[in-house]
Amino acid sequence: MADAIAYSEALVTRGLAFDTFAPRLSFHFATTMDLFEEVAKLRAARRLWYRIATERFGATAPASGRLRFFSGNSGTTLTAQQPLNNVVRSTIQCLGAVLGGAQSIHVMGYDEAYEIPSEEAVTLSLRTQQIVALESGVARTADPLAGSYFVEALTDELEGRAGALLAELDAAGGAAAAIEAGTPQRWIAEAAYRLEREVSSGERPRVGVNVYADDDDEAHLGEMFSADPGVADRHAAHTAQRVAARDGAACTAAIDAVSAAARDGRNVMPPLIDAARTGATLGELANVFRSVFGEFREPALW
């Protein structure tokens, strides 16, 4: 939410009316294993964005206050031990995203704790979504858990606590200033460390890891993903061929136009499109921004 506020304020400062771009904003929330907390989190996010859009930015278009969001499973929940257990974990997370109102969902492959998912794992992830959508009945109503005392109370609590964090970030100068200071990165690192300590100590049970573990963890893994060893060389050769065939002078001029726009604080999208059409590579365009803005380095967290 703080990031969305920062982007919105930057666009409004450039003279764009909030209602002209707000309906196109989209959000990404990971869902983890605490089913009701995840549902409440997504419901609270929808409330928060509506209040931010209408009260902070004065939105009048109904679409501006609607939270358009994608929800993917959290990779932190997957375990390398007993990998098929991840099928159940992914199903619970998918269900939490549906009950929370996600418009788009990604279910992770059960073998992603090892590597890029296999075709079998990807297919099963897709089937998981399809079964939840078509066989469970949860998609027949927009907010299936509305009215539940527990869910409503938890939604209120999460909305309040998230609002307090937003106020803290506002006081620190907004999302960009907080990121430069390492504040949200520190919060994430502390939470991850706390979680791992709880799993290591057994305080937080993780089936197949610290409870109900066995010695044959990989017994049910199917065929593992195998990358084509020649793919990098083929892509490099293809890029070299494209670079050799382009109009070098026109491409250089287009890249210079991107650099000038970035240095002047102008909209870089039109010159970026022109540069791409002349054959400029992603690496060349990235280097333009590195030369103008420098390269971000994570601040020390402690």
C-alpha atoms as a PDB file:
ATOM      1  CA  MET A   1       0.000   0.000   0.000  1.00  0.00           C
ATOM      2  CA  ALA A   2       2.851   2.370   0.804  1.00  0.00           C
ATOM      3  CA  ASP A   3       4.401   1.582  -2.583  1.00  0.00           C
ATOM      4  CA  ALA A   4       1.082   2.282  -4.308  1.00  0.00           C
ATOM      5  CA  ILE A   5       0.815   5.598  -2.488  1.00  0.00           C
ATOM      6  CA  ALA A   6       4.339   6.531  -3.597  1.00  0.00           C
ATOM      7  CA  TYR A   7       3.641   5.696  -7.242  1.00  0.00           C
ATOM      8  CA  SER A   8       0.301   7.493  -7.146  1.00  0.00           C
ATOM      9  CA  GLU A   9       1.765  10.614  -5.586  1.00  0.00           C
ATOM     10  CA  ALA A  10       4.512  10.687  -8.212  1.00  0.00           C
ATOM     11  CA  LEU A  11       1.955  10.446 -11.027  1.00  0.00           C
ATOM     12  CA  VAL A  12      -0.332  13.060  -9.501  1.00  0.00           C
ATOM     13  CA  THR A  13       2.661  15.369  -9.095  1.00  0.00           C
ATOM     14  CA  ARG A  14       3.327  14.971 -12.830  1.00  0.00           C
ATOM     15  CA  GLY A  15      -0.191  16.236 -13.510  1.00  0.00           C
ATOM     16  CA  LEU A  16      -2.152  13.026 -14.004  1.00  0.00           C
ATOM     17  CA  ALA A  17      -5.593  12.792 -12.422  1.00  0.00           C
ATOM     18  CA  PHE A  18      -5.806   9.848 -10.015  1.00  0.00           C
ATOM     19  CA  ASP A  19      -8.903   8.411 -11.683  1.00  0.00           C
ATOM     20  CA  THR A  20      -7.095   8.219 -15.039  1.00  0.00           C
ATOM     21  CA  PHE A  21      -4.549   5.654 -13.850  1.00  0.00           C
ATOM     22  CA  ALA A  22      -5.830   4.131 -10.592  1.00  0.00           C
ATOM     23  CA  PRO A  23      -8.062   1.496 -12.261  1.00  0.00           C
ATOM     24  CA  ARG A  24      -4.945   0.139 -14.007  1.00  0.00           C
ATOM     25  CA  LEU A  25      -2.944  -0.353 -10.815  1.00  0.00           C
ATOM     26  CA  SER A  26      -2.542  -3.972  -9.745  1.00  0.00           C
ATOM     27  CA  PHE A  27      -1.180  -5.508  -6.573  1.00  0.00           C
ATOM     28  CA  HIS A  28       0.584  -8.745  -5.681  1.00  0.00           C
ATOM     29  CA  PHE A  29       0.032 -10.492  -2.356  1.00  0.00           C
ATOM     30  CA  ALA A  30       1.595 -13.797  -1.360  1.00  0.00           C
ATOM     31  CA  THR A  31      -0.603 -16.227   0.524  1.00  0.00           C
ATOM     32  CA  THR A  32       0.860 -18.459   3.208  1.00  0.00           C
ATOM     33  CA  MET A  33      -0.483 -21.240   5.413  1.00  0.00           C
ATOM     34  CA  ASP A  34      -2.664 -19.585   8.060  1.00  0.00           C
ATOM     35  CA  LEU A  35      -5.926 -19.859   6.128  1.00  0.00           C
ATOM     36  CA  PHE A  36      -8.087 -17.404   8.049  1.00  0.00           C
ATOM     37  CA  GLU A  37      -5.277 -14.878   8.492  1.00  0.00           C
ATOM     38  CA  GLU A  38      -4.642 -14.908   4.738  1.00  0.00           C
ATOM     39  CA  VAL A  39      -8.329 -14.403   3.969  1.00  0.00           C
ATOM     40  CA  ALA A  40      -8.519 -11.562   6.484  1.00  0.00           C
ATOM     41  CA  LYS A  41      -5.327 -10.010   5.102  1.00  0.00           C
ATOM     42  CA  LEU A  42      -6.727  -9.826   1.581  1.00  0.00           C
ATOM     43  CA  ARG A  43     -10.088  -8.524   2.812  1.00  0.00           C
ATOM     44  CA  ALA A  44      -8.285  -5.877   4.883  1.00  0.00           C
ATOM     45  CA  ALA A  45      -6.207  -4.897   1.843  1.00  0.00           C
ATOM     46  CA  ARG A  46      -9.357  -4.331  -0.185  1.00  0.00           C
ATOM     47  CA  ARG A  47     -10.749  -2.053   2.540  1.00  0.00           C
ATOM     48  CA  LEU A  48      -7.465  -0.184   2.910  1.00  0.00           C
ATOM     49  CA  TRP A  49      -7.103   0.536  -0.784  1.00  0.00           C
ATOM     50  CA  TYR A  50     -10.669   1.806  -1.022  1.00  0.00           C
ATOM     51  CA  ARG A  51     -10.036   4.258   1.823  1.00  0.00           C
ATOM     52  CA  ILE A  52      -6.689   5.349   0.382  1.00  0.00           C
ATOM     53  CA  ALA A  53      -8.191   5.872  -3.074  1.00  0.00           C
ATOM     54  CA  THR A  54     -11.252   7.785  -1.933  1.00  0.00           C
ATOM     55  CA  GLU A  55     -10.025   9.647   1.142  1.00  0.00           C
ATOM     56  CA  ARG A  56      -6.389  10.312   0.320  1.00  0.00           C
ATOM     57  CA  PHE A  57      -6.598  10.778  -3.437  1.00  0.00           C
ATOM     58  CA  GLY A  58     -10.244  11.822  -3.835  1.00  0.00           C
ATOM     59  CA  ALA A  59     -11.189   9.066  -6.279  1.00  0.00           C
ATOM     60  CA  THR A  60     -14.646   9.401  -7.791  1.00  0.00           C
ATOM     61  CA  ALA A  61     -14.570   6.591 -10.373  1.00  0.00           C
ATOM     62  CA  PRO A  62     -15.779   3.314  -8.793  1.00  0.00           C
ATOM     63  CA  ALA A  63     -12.992   1.341 -10.474  1.00  0.00           C
ATOM     64  CA  SER A  64     -10.336   3.467  -8.773  1.00  0.00           C
ATOM     65  CA  GLY A  65     -11.208   2.098  -5.357  1.00  0.00           C
ATOM     66  CA  ARG A  66     -11.389  -1.530  -6.394  1.00  0.00           C
ATOM     67  CA  LEU A  67      -8.329  -3.540  -5.416  1.00  0.00           C
ATOM     68  CA  ARG A  68      -7.178  -5.435  -8.487  1.00  0.00           C
ATOM     69  CA  PHE A  69      -4.736  -8.049  -7.292  1.00  0.00           C
ATOM     70  CA  PHE A  70      -2.892 -11.257  -8.007  1.00  0.00           C
ATOM     71  CA  SER A  71      -2.109 -13.767  -5.278  1.00  0.00           C
ATOM     72  CA  GLY A  72       0.588 -16.412  -5.526  1.00  0.00           C
ATOM     73  CA  ASN A  73       1.602 -19.092  -3.103  1.00  0.00           C
ATOM     74  CA  SER A  74       4.548 -18.238  -0.890  1.00  0.00           C
ATOM     75  CA  GLY A  75       7.695 -20.191  -1.663  1.00  0.00           C
ATOM     76  CA  THR A  76       8.688 -19.915   1.993  1.00  0.00           C
ATOM     77  CA  THR A  77       6.067 -22.535   2.833  1.00  0.00           C
ATOM     78  CA  LEU A  78       7.460 -25.219   0.520  1.00  0.00           C
ATOM     79  CA  THR A  79       9.682 -27.934   1.934  1.00  0.00           C
ATOM     80  CA  ALA A  80      12.303 -30.086   0.261  1.00  0.00           C
ATOM     81  CA  GLN A  81      11.438 -32.859   2.711  1.00  0.00           C
ATOM     82  CA  GLN A  82       8.427 -34.956   1.699  1.00  0.00           C
ATOM     83  CA  PRO A  83       7.751 -32.770  -1.362  1.00  0.00           C
ATOM     84  CA  LEU A  84       4.273 -34.153  -2.063  1.00  0.00           C
ATOM     85  CA  ASN A  85       3.119 -32.491   1.148  1.00  0.00           C
ATOM     86  CA  ASN A  86       3.520 -29.229  -0.796  1.00  0.00           C
ATOM     87  CA  VAL A  87       0.491 -30.197  -2.904  1.00  0.00           C
ATOM     88  CA  VAL A  88      -1.676 -29.903   0.197  1.00  0.00           C
ATOM     89  CA  ARG A  89       0.050 -26.691   1.271  1.00  0.00           C
ATOM     90  CA  SER A  90      -0.509 -25.125  -2.159  1.00  0.00           C
ATOM     91  CA  THR A  91      -4.172 -26.126  -2.146  1.00  0.00           C
ATOM     92  CA  ILE A  92      -4.752 -24.434   1.220  1.00  0.00           C
ATOM     93  CA  GLN A  93      -3.014 -21.281   0.001  1.00  0.00           C
ATOM     94  CA  CYS A  94      -5.007 -21.290  -3.224  1.00  0.00           C
ATOM     95  CA  LEU A  95      -8.223 -21.604  -1.251  1.00  0.00           C
ATOM     96  CA  GLY A  96      -7.177 -18.697   0.990  1.00  0.00           C
ATOM     97  CA  ALA A  97      -6.590 -16.503  -2.054  1.00  0.00           C
ATOM     98  CA  VAL A  98     -10.015 -17.394  -3.489  1.00  0.00           C
ATOM     99  CA  LEU A  99     -11.814 -16.739  -0.205  1.00  0.00           C
ATOM    100  CA  GLY A 100      -9.940 -13.424   0.070  1.00  0.00           C
ATOM    101  CA  GLY A 101     -11.151 -12.253  -3.343  1.00  0.00           C
ATOM    102  CA  ALA A 102      -8.116 -12.620  -5.616  1.00  0.00           C
ATOM    103  CA  GLN A 103      -8.779 -12.125  -9.321  1.00  0.00           C
ATOM    104  CA  SER A 104      -5.680 -14.045 -10.404  1.00  0.00           C
ATOM    105  CA  ILE A 105      -3.878 -16.860  -8.605  1.00  0.00           C
ATOM    106  CA  HIS A 106      -0.665 -18.818  -9.053  1.00  0.00           C
ATOM    107  CA  VAL A 107      -0.151 -22.197  -7.396  1.00  0.00           C
ATOM    108  CA  MET A 108       3.474 -23.237  -6.962  1.00  0.00           C
ATOM    109  CA  GLY A 109       4.826 -26.606  -8.050  1.00  0.00           C
ATOM    110  CA  TYR A 110       5.388 -29.171  -5.341  1.00  0.00           C
ATOM    111  CA  ASP A 111       9.048 -29.578  -6.386  1.00  0.00           C
ATOM    112  CA  GLU A 112       9.960 -25.866  -6.394  1.00  0.00           C
ATOM    113  CA  ALA A 113      11.899 -26.282  -3.158  1.00  0.00           C
ATOM    114  CA  TYR A 114      14.432 -28.120  -5.349  1.00  0.00           C
ATOM    115  CA  GLU A 115      14.508 -26.296  -8.668  1.00  0.00           C
ATOM    116  CA  ILE A 116      12.430 -25.009 -11.591  1.00  0.00           C
ATOM    117  CA  PRO A 117       9.216 -27.070 -11.453  1.00  0.00           C
ATOM    118  CA  SER A 118       8.804 -30.105 -13.656  1.00  0.00           C
ATOM    119  CA  GLU A 119       6.046 -30.331 -16.257  1.00  0.00           C
ATOM    120  CA  GLU A 120       4.168 -32.765 -14.021  1.00  0.00           C
ATOM    121  CA  ALA A 121       4.288 -30.342 -11.074  1.00  0.00           C
ATOM    122  CA  VAL A 122       3.166 -27.401 -13.214  1.00  0.00           C
ATOM    123  CA  THR A 123       0.221 -29.388 -14.582  1.00  0.00           C
ATOM    124  CA  LEU A 124      -0.817 -30.453 -11.083  1.00  0.00           C
ATOM    125  CA  SER A 125      -0.647 -26.811  -9.941  1.00  0.00           C
ATOM    126  CA  LEU A 126      -3.009 -25.854 -12.755  1.00  0.00           C
ATOM    127  CA  ARG A 127      -5.348 -28.733 -11.907  1.00  0.00           C
ATOM    128  CA  THR A 128      -5.380 -27.593  -8.275  1.00  0.00           C
ATOM    129  CA  GLN A 129      -6.765 -24.204  -9.314  1.00  0.00           C
ATOM    130  CA  GLN A 130      -9.265 -25.801 -11.670  1.00  0.00           C
ATOM    131  CA  ILE A 131     -10.576 -28.194  -9.012  1.00  0.00           C
ATOM    132  CA  VAL A 132     -10.959 -25.370  -6.487  1.00  0.00           C
ATOM    133  CA  ALA A 133     -12.701 -23.199  -9.096  1.00  0.00           C
ATOM    134  CA  LEU A 134     -14.985 -25.801 -10.632  1.00  0.00           C
ATOM    135  CA  GLU A 135     -15.647 -28.436  -7.968  1.00  0.00           C
ATOM    136  CA  SER A 136     -15.471 -26.771  -4.545  1.00  0.00           C
ATOM    137  CA  GLY A 137     -18.269 -24.229  -4.938  1.00  0.00           C
ATOM    138  CA  VAL A 138     -16.275 -21.412  -3.290  1.00  0.00           C
ATOM    139  CA  ALA A 139     -16.454 -19.236  -6.387  1.00  0.00           C
ATOM    140  CA  ARG A 140     -20.247 -18.970  -6.282  1.00  0.00           C
ATOM    141  CA  THR A 141     -20.200 -15.926  -4.006  1.00  0.00           C
ATOM    142  CA  ALA A 142     -17.923 -12.911  -3.826  1.00  0.00           C
ATOM    143  CA  ASP A 143     -17.160 -13.039  -0.110  1.00  0.00           C
ATOM    144  CA  PRO A 144     -18.029 -16.498   1.282  1.00  0.00           C
ATOM    145  CA  LEU A 145     -16.791 -15.805   4.827  1.00  0.00           C
ATOM    146  CA  ALA A 146     -18.481 -12.421   5.283  1.00  0.00           C
ATOM    147  CA  GLY A 147     -20.312 -12.268   8.583  1.00  0.00           C
ATOM    148  CA  SER A 148     -18.075 -14.768  10.345  1.00  0.00           C
ATOM    149  CA  TYR A 149     -17.247 -13.236  13.732  1.00  0.00           C
ATOM    150  CA  PHE A 150     -13.694 -14.575  13.668  1.00  0.00           C
ATOM    151  CA  VAL A 151     -12.945 -13.487  10.091  1.00  0.00           C
ATOM    152  CA  GLU A 152     -14.521 -10.052  10.527  1.00  0.00           C
ATOM    153  CA  ALA A 153     -12.659  -9.451  13.813  1.00  0.00           C
ATOM    154  CA  LEU A 154      -9.375 -10.600  12.291  1.00  0.00           C
ATOM    155  CA  THR A 155      -9.952  -8.404   9.238  1.00  0.00           C
ATOM    156  CA  ASP A 156     -10.546  -5.394  11.498  1.00  0.00           C
ATOM    157  CA  GLU A 157      -7.380  -6.152  13.460  1.00  0.00           C
ATOM    158  CA  LEU A 158      -5.206  -6.560  10.377  1.00  0.00           C
ATOM    159  CA  GLU A 159      -6.617  -3.409   8.799  1.00  0.00           C
ATOM    160  CA  GLY A 160      -5.814  -1.461  11.957  1.00  0.00           C
ATOM    161  CA  ARG A 161      -2.304  -2.832  12.278  1.00  0.00           C
ATOM    162  CA  ALA A 162      -1.578  -2.273   8.588  1.00  0.00           C
ATOM    163  CA  GLY A 163      -2.857   1.296   8.927  1.00  0.00           C
ATOM    164  CA  ALA A 164      -0.456   1.849  11.833  1.00  0.00           C
ATOM    165  CA  LEU A 165       2.472   0.633   9.717  1.00  0.00           C
ATOM    166  CA  LEU A 166       1.387   2.919   6.878  1.00  0.00           C
ATOM    167  CA  ALA A 167       1.377   5.851   9.279  1.00  0.00           C
ATOM    168  CA  GLU A 168       4.878   4.874  10.413  1.00  0.00           C
ATOM    169  CA  LEU A 169       6.098   4.775   6.819  1.00  0.00           C
ATOM    170  CA  ASP A 170       4.429   8.102   6.069  1.00  0.00           C
ATOM    171  CA  ALA A 171       6.215   9.648   9.028  1.00  0.00           C
ATOM    172  CA  ALA A 172       9.511   8.253   7.694  1.00  0.00           C
ATOM    173  CA  GLY A 173       8.997  10.048   4.372  1.00  0.00           C
ATOM    174  CA  GLY A 174       7.093   7.403   2.431  1.00  0.00           C
ATOM    175  CA  ALA A 175       7.938   4.083   0.837  1.00  0.00           C
ATOM    176  CA  ALA A 176      10.930   5.235  -1.217  1.00  0.00           C
ATOM    177  CA  ALA A 177      12.663   6.846   1.750  1.00  0.00           C
ATOM    178  CA  ALA A 178      11.920   3.814   3.922  1.00  0.00           C
ATOM    179  CA  ILE A 179      13.391   1.445   1.322  1.00  0.00           C
ATOM    180  CA  GLU A 180      16.523   3.584   1.065  1.00  0.00           C
ATOM    181  CA  ALA A 181      16.815   3.367   4.858  1.00  0.00           C
ATOM    182  CA  GLY A 182      16.239  -0.393   4.790  1.00  0.00           C
ATOM    183  CA  THR A 183      13.158  -0.291   7.011  1.00  0.00           C
ATOM    184  CA  PRO A 184      10.832  -2.765   5.215  1.00  0.00           C
ATOM    185  CA  GLN A 185      13.809  -4.962   4.315  1.00  0.00           C
ATOM    186  CA  ARG A 186      14.668  -5.164   8.013  1.00  0.00           C
ATOM    187  CA  TRP A 187      11.071  -6.021   8.910  1.00  0.00           C
ATOM    188  CA  ILE A 188      11.093  -8.843   6.351  1.00  0.00           C
ATOM    189  CA  ALA A 189      14.477 -10.169   7.471  1.00  0.00           C
ATOM    190  CA  GLU A 190      13.429 -10.133  11.112  1.00  0.00           C
ATOM    191  CA  ALA A 191      10.181 -11.949  10.331  1.00  0.00           C
ATOM    192  CA  ALA A 192      11.998 -14.573   8.237  1.00  0.00           C
ATOM    193  CA  TYR A 193      14.582 -15.133  10.978  1.00  0.00           C
ATOM    194  CA  ARG A 194      11.860 -15.436  13.620  1.00  0.00           C
ATOM    195  CA  LEU A 195       9.987 -17.977  11.477  1.00  0.00           C
ATOM    196  CA  GLU A 196      13.070 -20.115  10.894  1.00  0.00           C
ATOM    197  CA  ARG A 197      13.894 -20.098  14.587  1.00  0.00           C
ATOM    198  CA  GLU A 198      10.375 -21.265  15.395  1.00  0.00           C
ATOM    199  CA  VAL A 199      10.644 -24.096  12.874  1.00  0.00           C
ATOM    200  CA  SER A 200      14.124 -25.084  14.098  1.00  0.00           C
ATOM    201  CA  SER A 201      13.021 -25.149  17.722  1.00  0.00           C
ATOM    202  CA  GLY A 202       9.824 -27.041  16.952  1.00  0.00           C
ATOM    203  CA  GLU A 203       7.652 -24.218  18.275  1.00  0.00           C
ATOM    204  CA  ARG A 204       6.075 -23.964  14.817  1.00  0.00           C
ATOM    205  CA  PRO A 205       5.254 -27.442  13.480  1.00  0.00           C
ATOM    206  CA  ARG A 206       6.151 -28.190   9.873  1.00  0.00           C
ATOM    207  CA  VAL A 207       4.996 -31.602   8.785  1.00  0.00           C
ATOM    208  CA  GLY A 208       7.765 -33.692   7.284  1.00  0.00           C
ATOM    209  CA  VAL A 209      10.435 -31.343   8.660  1.00  0.00           C
ATOM    210  CA  ASN A 210      10.195 -31.183  12.454  1.00  0.00           C
ATOM    211  CA  VAL A 211       7.192 -33.468  12.967  1.00  0.00           C
ATOM    212  CA  TYR A 212       6.290 -36.705  11.164  1.00  0.00           C
ATOM    213  CA  ALA A 213       9.628 -36.673   9.361  1.00  0.00           C
ATOM    214  CA  ASP A 214      11.123 -39.696   7.605  1.00  0.00           C
ATOM    215  CA  ASP A 215      14.388 -40.627   5.915  1.00  0.00           C
ATOM    216  CA  ASP A 216      13.039 -41.103   2.401  1.00  0.00           C
ATOM    217  CA  ASP A 217      12.251 -37.486   1.539  1.00  0.00           C
ATOM    218  CA  GLU A 218      12.716 -37.723  -2.232  1.00  0.00           C
ATOM    219  CA  ALA A 219      10.899 -41.018  -2.767  1.00  0.00           C
ATOM    220  CA  HIS A 220       7.898 -39.421  -4.491  1.00  0.00           C
ATOM    221  CA  LEU A 221       9.683 -36.923  -6.703  1.00  0.00           C
ATOM    222  CA  GLY A 222       8.971 -37.400 -10.383  1.00  0.00           C
ATOM    223  CA  GLU A 223      11.312 -36.569 -13.217  1.00  0.00           C
ATOM    224  CA  MET A 224      13.321 -33.497 -12.288  1.00  0.00           C
ATOM    225  CA  PHE A 225      13.533 -30.457 -14.569  1.00  0.00           C
ATOM    226  CA  SER A 226      16.630 -30.467 -16.757  1.00  0.00           C
ATOM    227  CA  ALA A 227      17.769 -27.250 -18.391  1.00  0.00           C
ATOM    228  CA  ASP A 228      19.042 -27.353 -21.952  1.00  0.00           C
ATOM    229  CA  PRO A 229      22.796 -26.693 -21.581  1.00  0.00           C
ATOM    230  CA  GLY A 230      22.971 -25.001 -24.985  1.00  0.00           C
ATOM    231  CA  VAL A 231      20.186 -22.471 -24.465  1.00  0.00           C
ATOM    232  CA  ALA A 232      22.498 -19.677 -23.226  1.00  0.00           C
ATOM    233  CA  ASP A 233      24.821 -20.028 -26.207  1.00  0.00           C
ATOM    234  CA  ARG A 234      21.896 -19.990 -28.646  1.00  0.00           C
ATOM    235  CA  HIS A 235      20.442 -16.854 -27.096  1.00  0.00           C
ATOM    236  CA  ALA A 236      23.820 -15.117 -27.134  1.00  0.00           C
ATOM    237  CA  ALA A 237      24.278 -15.984 -30.801  1.00  0.00           C
ATOM    238  CA  HIS A 238      20.760 -14.790 -31.637  1.00  0.00           C
ATOM    239  CA  THR A 239      21.358 -11.483 -29.838  1.00  0.00           C
ATOM    240  CA  ALA A 240      24.685 -10.994 -31.613  1.00  0.00           C
ATOM    241  CA  GLN A 241      22.968 -11.630 -34.947  1.00  0.00           C
ATOM    242  CA  ARG A 242      20.278  -9.047 -34.178  1.00  0.00           C
ATOM    243  CA  VAL A 243      22.856  -6.466 -33.089  1.00  0.00           C
ATOM    244  CA  ALA A 244      24.898  -6.990 -36.236  1.00  0.00           C
ATOM    245  CA  ALA A 245      21.828  -6.579 -38.477  1.00  0.00           C
ATOM    246  CA  ARG A 246      20.489  -3.357 -36.942  1.00  0.00           C
ATOM    247  CA  ASP A 247      21.130   0.232 -38.044  1.00  0.00           C
ATOM    248  CA  GLY A 248      23.906   1.119 -35.614  1.00  0.00           C
ATOM    249  CA  ALA A 249      23.613   4.895 -35.989  1.00  0.00           C
ATOM    250  CA  ALA A 250      19.834   4.914 -35.517  1.00  0.00           C
ATOM    251  CA  CYS A 251      20.101   2.632 -32.494  1.00  0.00           C
ATOM    252  CA  THR A 252      22.793   4.777 -30.876  1.00  0.00           C
ATOM    253  CA  ALA A 253      20.700   7.902 -31.410  1.00  0.00           C
ATOM    254  CA  ALA A 254      17.653   6.226 -29.897  1.00  0.00           C
ATOM    255  CA  ILE A 255      19.621   5.068 -26.850  1.00  0.00           C
ATOM    256  CA  ASP A 256      20.973   8.611 -26.423  1.00  0.00           C
ATOM    257  CA  ALA A 257      17.386   9.900 -26.499  1.00  0.00           C
ATOM    258  CA  VAL A 258      16.503   7.551 -23.615  1.00  0.00           C
ATOM    259  CA  SER A 259      19.490   8.845 -21.664  1.00  0.00           C
ATOM    260  CA  ALA A 260      18.513  12.469 -22.290  1.00  0.00           C
ATOM    261  CA  ALA A 261      14.932  11.870 -21.189  1.00  0.00           C
ATOM    262  CA  ALA A 262      16.117  10.147 -18.005  1.00  0.00           C
ATOM    263  CA  ARG A 263      18.539  12.966 -17.173  1.00  0.00           C
ATOM    264  CA  ASP A 264      15.870  15.620 -17.804  1.00  0.00           C
ATOM    265  CA  GLY A 265      13.219  13.849 -15.721  1.00  0.00           C
ATOM    266  CA  ARG A 266      10.932  13.405 -18.713  1.00  0.00           C
ATOM    267  CA  ASN A 267       8.717  10.429 -19.559  1.00  0.00           C
ATOM    268  CA  VAL A 268      11.137   7.739 -20.733  1.00  0.00           C
ATOM    269  CA  MET A 269       8.527   5.372 -22.179  1.00  0.00           C
ATOM    270  CA  PRO A 270       8.278   6.878 -25.712  1.00  0.00           C
ATOM    271  CA  PRO A 271      12.063   6.908 -26.277  1.00  0.00           C
ATOM    272  CA  LEU A 272      12.323   3.421 -24.756  1.00  0.00           C
ATOM    273  CA  ILE A 273       9.803   2.124 -27.298  1.00  0.00           C
ATOM    274  CA  ASP A 274      11.676   3.861 -30.120  1.00  0.00           C
ATOM    275  CA  ALA A 275      14.981   2.395 -28.928  1.00  0.00           C
ATOM    276  CA  ALA A 276      13.531  -1.106 -28.741  1.00  0.00           C
ATOM    277  CA  ARG A 277      12.232  -0.756 -32.290  1.00  0.00           C
ATOM    278  CA  THR A 278      15.719   0.119 -33.525  1.00  0.00           C
ATOM    279  CA  GLY A 279      17.044  -3.085 -31.963  1.00  0.00           C
ATOM    280  CA  ALA A 280      18.463  -1.819 -28.650  1.00  0.00           C
ATOM    281  CA  THR A 281      18.991  -4.687 -26.243  1.00  0.00           C
ATOM    282  CA  LEU A 282      17.683  -4.936 -22.711  1.00  0.00           C
ATOM    283  CA  GLY A 283      21.233  -4.787 -21.397  1.00  0.00           C
ATOM    284  CA  GLU A 284      21.985  -1.591 -23.309  1.00  0.00           C
ATOM    285  CA  LEU A 285      18.845   0.108 -22.041  1.00  0.00           C
ATOM    286  CA  ALA A 286      19.484  -1.038 -18.470  1.00  0.00           C
ATOM    287  CA  ASN A 287      22.966   0.426 -18.685  1.00  0.00           C
ATOM    288  CA  VAL A 288      21.450   3.799 -19.603  1.00  0.00           C
ATOM    289  CA  PHE A 289      19.589   3.886 -16.296  1.00  0.00           C
ATOM    290  CA  ARG A 290      22.640   2.663 -14.404  1.00  0.00           C
ATOM    291  CA  SER A 291      24.677   5.506 -15.859  1.00  0.00           C
ATOM    292  CA  VAL A 292      22.025   8.127 -15.032  1.00  0.00           C
ATOM    293  CA  PHE A 293      20.705   6.923 -11.663  1.00  0.00           C
ATOM    294  CA  GLY A 294      23.406   4.588 -10.412  1.00  0.00           C
ATOM    295  CA  GLU A 295      22.765   1.060  -9.151  1.00  0.00           C
ATOM    296  CA  PHE A 296      20.750   0.450  -6.012  1.00  0.00           C
ATOM    297  CA  ARG A 297      22.587  -1.253  -3.176  1.00  0.00           C
ATOM    298  CA  GLU A 298      20.743  -2.685  -0.225  1.00  0.00           C
ATOM    299  CA  PRO A 299      21.440  -0.661   2.922  1.00  0.00           C
ATOM    300  CA  ALA A 300      22.894  -2.345   5.991  1.00  0.00           C
ATOM    301  CA  LEU A 301      19.933  -3.709   7.945  1.00  0.00           C
ATOM    302  CA  TRP A 302      21.613  -3.745  11.339  1.00  0.00           C
END
